[in-house]
Amino acid sequence: MIITTPNNNTIEIANTITGKEKILYNGNVVSAKRTVAGGIHLFTATESNEVVNYEVEIRSRWHGMGYYVNVRRNGVMIFSNK
């Protein structure tokens, strides 16, 4: 899944069935971890000379098939497929 931020940067979310999650920002890995039911990835980026905090939340759907993603930029939701 690839998300475009308000400043036209990209966040790529890779999640495998084995629980390995990886977050890429403009093609660079900024967070990676292995989880059972999803996790929260935090990272910072500099956009237009401003430090921006991102939170990418990945969670399993209630029936266990698939996952949903919430992305926040400086605490404001910019994407959700929940």
C-alpha atoms as a PDB file:
ATOM      1  CA  MET A   1       0.000   0.000   0.000  1.00  0.00           C
ATOM      2  CA  ILE A   2       1.387   3.421  -0.951  1.00  0.00           C
ATOM      3  CA  ILE A   3       0.081   6.657   0.545  1.00  0.00           C
ATOM      4  CA  THR A   4       0.923  10.166  -0.656  1.00  0.00           C
ATOM      5  CA  THR A   5       1.387  12.783   2.079  1.00  0.00           C
ATOM      6  CA  PRO A   6       0.116  16.389   1.857  1.00  0.00           C
ATOM      7  CA  ASN A   7       3.614  17.460   0.685  1.00  0.00           C
ATOM      8  CA  ASN A   8       3.700  14.800  -2.079  1.00  0.00           C
ATOM      9  CA  ASN A   9       6.036  12.407  -0.272  1.00  0.00           C
ATOM     10  CA  THR A  10       5.253   8.696  -0.223  1.00  0.00           C
ATOM     11  CA  ILE A  11       4.749   6.285   2.647  1.00  0.00           C
ATOM     12  CA  GLU A  12       4.823   2.631   1.630  1.00  0.00           C
ATOM     13  CA  ILE A  13       3.404   0.072   4.042  1.00  0.00           C
ATOM     14  CA  ALA A  14       4.493  -3.537   3.640  1.00  0.00           C
ATOM     15  CA  ASN A  15       2.791  -6.123   5.840  1.00  0.00           C
ATOM     16  CA  THR A  16       3.209  -9.869   5.433  1.00  0.00           C
ATOM     17  CA  ILE A  17       1.125 -12.766   6.688  1.00  0.00           C
ATOM     18  CA  THR A  18       4.051 -13.739   8.949  1.00  0.00           C
ATOM     19  CA  GLY A  19       3.670 -10.459  10.858  1.00  0.00           C
ATOM     20  CA  LYS A  20       6.675  -8.618   9.455  1.00  0.00           C
ATOM     21  CA  GLU A  21       5.855  -4.949   8.950  1.00  0.00           C
ATOM     22  CA  LYS A  22       8.008  -2.415   7.139  1.00  0.00           C
ATOM     23  CA  ILE A  23       7.428   1.309   6.586  1.00  0.00           C
ATOM     24  CA  LEU A  24       9.273   3.159   3.818  1.00  0.00           C
ATOM     25  CA  TYR A  25       9.309   6.944   3.443  1.00  0.00           C
ATOM     26  CA  ASN A  26      10.279   8.044  -0.068  1.00  0.00           C
ATOM     27  CA  GLY A  27      11.800   4.597  -0.609  1.00  0.00           C
ATOM     28  CA  ASN A  28      13.887   4.531   2.599  1.00  0.00           C
ATOM     29  CA  VAL A  29      13.073   2.137   5.457  1.00  0.00           C
ATOM     30  CA  VAL A  30      12.121   4.224   8.505  1.00  0.00           C
ATOM     31  CA  SER A  31      10.613   1.468  10.678  1.00  0.00           C
ATOM     32  CA  ALA A  32      10.433  -2.325  10.701  1.00  0.00           C
ATOM     33  CA  LYS A  33       9.153  -4.806  13.254  1.00  0.00           C
ATOM     34  CA  ARG A  34       7.459  -8.168  13.630  1.00  0.00           C
ATOM     35  CA  THR A  35       4.046  -8.220  15.306  1.00  0.00           C
ATOM     36  CA  VAL A  36       1.195 -10.649  15.889  1.00  0.00           C
ATOM     37  CA  ALA A  37      -1.841  -8.384  15.526  1.00  0.00           C
ATOM     38  CA  GLY A  38      -0.271  -5.210  14.174  1.00  0.00           C
ATOM     39  CA  GLY A  39       1.672  -2.386  15.704  1.00  0.00           C
ATOM     40  CA  ILE A  40       2.427   1.314  15.725  1.00  0.00           C
ATOM     41  CA  HIS A  41       5.380   2.749  13.839  1.00  0.00           C
ATOM     42  CA  LEU A  42       6.685   6.222  14.717  1.00  0.00           C
ATOM     43  CA  PHE A  43       9.151   8.222  12.633  1.00  0.00           C
ATOM     44  CA  THR A  44      10.098  11.803  11.861  1.00  0.00           C
ATOM     45  CA  ALA A  45      10.818  13.435   8.524  1.00  0.00           C
ATOM     46  CA  THR A  46      11.827  16.884   7.338  1.00  0.00           C
ATOM     47  CA  GLU A  47       9.388  18.411   4.875  1.00  0.00           C
ATOM     48  CA  SER A  48       9.850  21.984   3.587  1.00  0.00           C
ATOM     49  CA  ASN A  49      12.355  22.721   6.385  1.00  0.00           C
ATOM     50  CA  GLU A  50       9.857  21.520   9.034  1.00  0.00           C
ATOM     51  CA  VAL A  51      10.257  18.430  11.234  1.00  0.00           C
ATOM     52  CA  VAL A  52       7.129  16.319  10.919  1.00  0.00           C
ATOM     53  CA  ASN A  53       6.094  13.403  13.170  1.00  0.00           C
ATOM     54  CA  TYR A  54       4.335  10.435  11.597  1.00  0.00           C
ATOM     55  CA  GLU A  55       2.451   7.593  13.248  1.00  0.00           C
ATOM     56  CA  VAL A  56       1.506   4.554  11.180  1.00  0.00           C
ATOM     57  CA  GLU A  57      -0.871   2.172  12.951  1.00  0.00           C
ATOM     58  CA  ILE A  58      -1.389  -1.287  11.465  1.00  0.00           C
ATOM     59  CA  ARG A  59      -4.045  -3.552  12.999  1.00  0.00           C
ATOM     60  CA  SER A  60      -5.662  -6.863  12.092  1.00  0.00           C
ATOM     61  CA  ARG A  61      -9.308  -6.727  11.142  1.00  0.00           C
ATOM     62  CA  TRP A  62     -11.707  -8.256  13.677  1.00  0.00           C
ATOM     63  CA  HIS A  63     -12.176 -11.430  11.622  1.00  0.00           C
ATOM     64  CA  GLY A  64      -8.398 -11.880  11.223  1.00  0.00           C
ATOM     65  CA  MET A  65      -8.492 -11.610   7.436  1.00  0.00           C
ATOM     66  CA  GLY A  66      -6.470  -8.622   6.304  1.00  0.00           C
ATOM     67  CA  TYR A  67      -5.504  -5.461   8.118  1.00  0.00           C
ATOM     68  CA  TYR A  68      -6.313  -1.784   8.290  1.00  0.00           C
ATOM     69  CA  VAL A  69      -4.025   1.234   8.450  1.00  0.00           C
ATOM     70  CA  ASN A  70      -4.278   4.653  10.093  1.00  0.00           C
ATOM     71  CA  VAL A  71      -1.652   7.295   9.274  1.00  0.00           C
ATOM     72  CA  ARG A  72      -1.294  10.472  11.315  1.00  0.00           C
ATOM     73  CA  ARG A  73       0.882  13.467  10.470  1.00  0.00           C
ATOM     74  CA  ASN A  74       1.594  15.666  13.512  1.00  0.00           C
ATOM     75  CA  GLY A  75      -1.377  14.016  15.234  1.00  0.00           C
ATOM     76  CA  VAL A  76      -3.840  14.670  12.388  1.00  0.00           C
ATOM     77  CA  MET A  77      -5.265  11.687  10.512  1.00  0.00           C
ATOM     78  CA  ILE A  78      -4.259  11.857   6.840  1.00  0.00           C
ATOM     79  CA  PHE A  79      -5.275   8.302   5.826  1.00  0.00           C
ATOM     80  CA  SER A  80      -7.469   5.501   7.126  1.00  0.00           C
ATOM     81  CA  ASN A  81      -8.912   2.434   5.463  1.00  0.00           C
ATOM     82  CA  LYS A  82     -10.620   1.171   8.585  1.00  0.00           C
END
